[in-house]
Amino acid sequence: MARPAGMLGIHQGAVLAADDPRYTAAEFPPNKLLYLVQLADARGIDCRPWFAGLALTRAQVADPALRVSYR
C-alpha cells in the first residue's frame, strides 16, 4: 500500500523521514547520481539546473570519495 514519502513505517507511530538519521547522514557513494548525470549527457539533457542551489557540483558527483545522504 502506498504511503506519503515523508513517512516511514505503516503503524500509527510512524517516524518522519526528516527525523530519521538514516536519511540525513551523508554516507552513501554518489554512483546513482553519477549514472543519472551520464544518462542525461547521453540523451542531450542539460543537468546543470539539477545542481542549482545545492552545495554540490556536477564535477563533485564523479568523485568516488564523495558521500551523500538520501535527503
Protein backbone atom coordinates (compact mmCIF):
# COMPACT_ATOMS: atom_id res chain seq x y z
CA MET A 1 0.00 0.00 0.00
CA ALA A 2 1.33 3.45 -0.87
CA ARG A 3 2.43 5.84 1.88
CA PRO A 4 3.37 9.51 1.82
CA ALA A 5 7.07 9.89 1.02
CA GLY A 6 7.65 11.82 4.23
CA MET A 7 6.53 8.94 6.42
CA LEU A 8 8.33 5.74 7.36
CA GLY A 9 6.59 2.67 8.70
CA ILE A 10 2.99 1.61 8.44
CA HIS A 11 1.90 1.86 12.05
CA GLN A 12 0.24 4.72 13.85
CA GLY A 13 3.51 5.93 15.45
CA ALA A 14 5.32 6.36 12.12
CA VAL A 15 8.54 8.39 12.13
CA LEU A 16 9.03 11.42 9.89
CA ALA A 17 11.85 10.92 7.39
CA ALA A 18 13.35 14.28 8.42
CA ASP A 19 13.81 12.91 11.93
CA ASP A 20 15.46 9.68 10.82
CA PRO A 21 19.29 9.92 10.72
CA ARG A 22 19.44 7.23 8.00
CA TYR A 23 18.10 9.81 5.55
CA THR A 24 20.24 12.76 6.59
CA ALA A 25 23.63 11.13 7.22
CA ALA A 26 25.99 11.55 4.25
CA GLU A 27 27.28 8.00 3.96
CA PHE A 28 26.26 6.79 0.51
CA PRO A 29 28.51 6.86 -2.59
CA PRO A 30 27.27 9.04 -5.45
CA ASN A 31 27.19 6.25 -8.05
CA LYS A 32 23.44 6.65 -8.72
CA LEU A 33 23.81 10.41 -9.13
CA LEU A 34 26.76 9.90 -11.45
CA TYR A 35 24.77 7.45 -13.57
CA LEU A 36 21.91 9.96 -13.89
CA VAL A 37 24.33 12.71 -14.96
CA GLN A 38 25.91 10.41 -17.55
CA LEU A 39 22.49 9.35 -18.80
CA ALA A 40 21.47 12.99 -19.16
CA ASP A 41 24.66 13.65 -21.16
CA ALA A 42 23.96 10.71 -23.45
CA ARG A 43 20.45 11.98 -24.11
CA GLY A 44 21.47 15.60 -24.61
CA ILE A 45 19.78 16.83 -21.42
CA ASP A 46 21.32 19.78 -19.59
CA CYS A 47 21.63 18.70 -15.97
CA ARG A 48 23.20 21.92 -14.64
CA PRO A 49 19.84 23.14 -13.26
CA TRP A 50 19.64 19.98 -11.14
CA PHE A 51 22.53 21.31 -9.05
CA ALA A 52 21.23 24.87 -8.70
CA GLY A 53 21.09 25.86 -5.04
CA LEU A 54 22.98 22.79 -3.84
CA ALA A 55 26.35 22.70 -2.14
CA LEU A 56 27.27 20.08 -4.72
CA THR A 57 28.66 20.48 -8.22
CA ARG A 58 28.42 18.19 -11.18
CA ALA A 59 32.18 17.62 -11.02
CA GLN A 60 31.97 16.51 -7.37
CA VAL A 61 29.50 13.76 -8.30
CA ALA A 62 32.30 11.98 -10.17
CA ASP A 63 34.50 11.88 -7.03
CA PRO A 64 34.36 8.35 -5.54
CA ALA A 65 35.32 9.74 -2.13
CA LEU A 66 32.14 11.85 -2.01
CA ARG A 67 29.32 10.70 0.24
CA VAL A 68 25.73 11.91 0.02
CA SER A 69 22.54 11.44 2.01
CA TYR A 70 19.21 10.29 0.63
CA ARG A 71 17.81 13.64 1.61
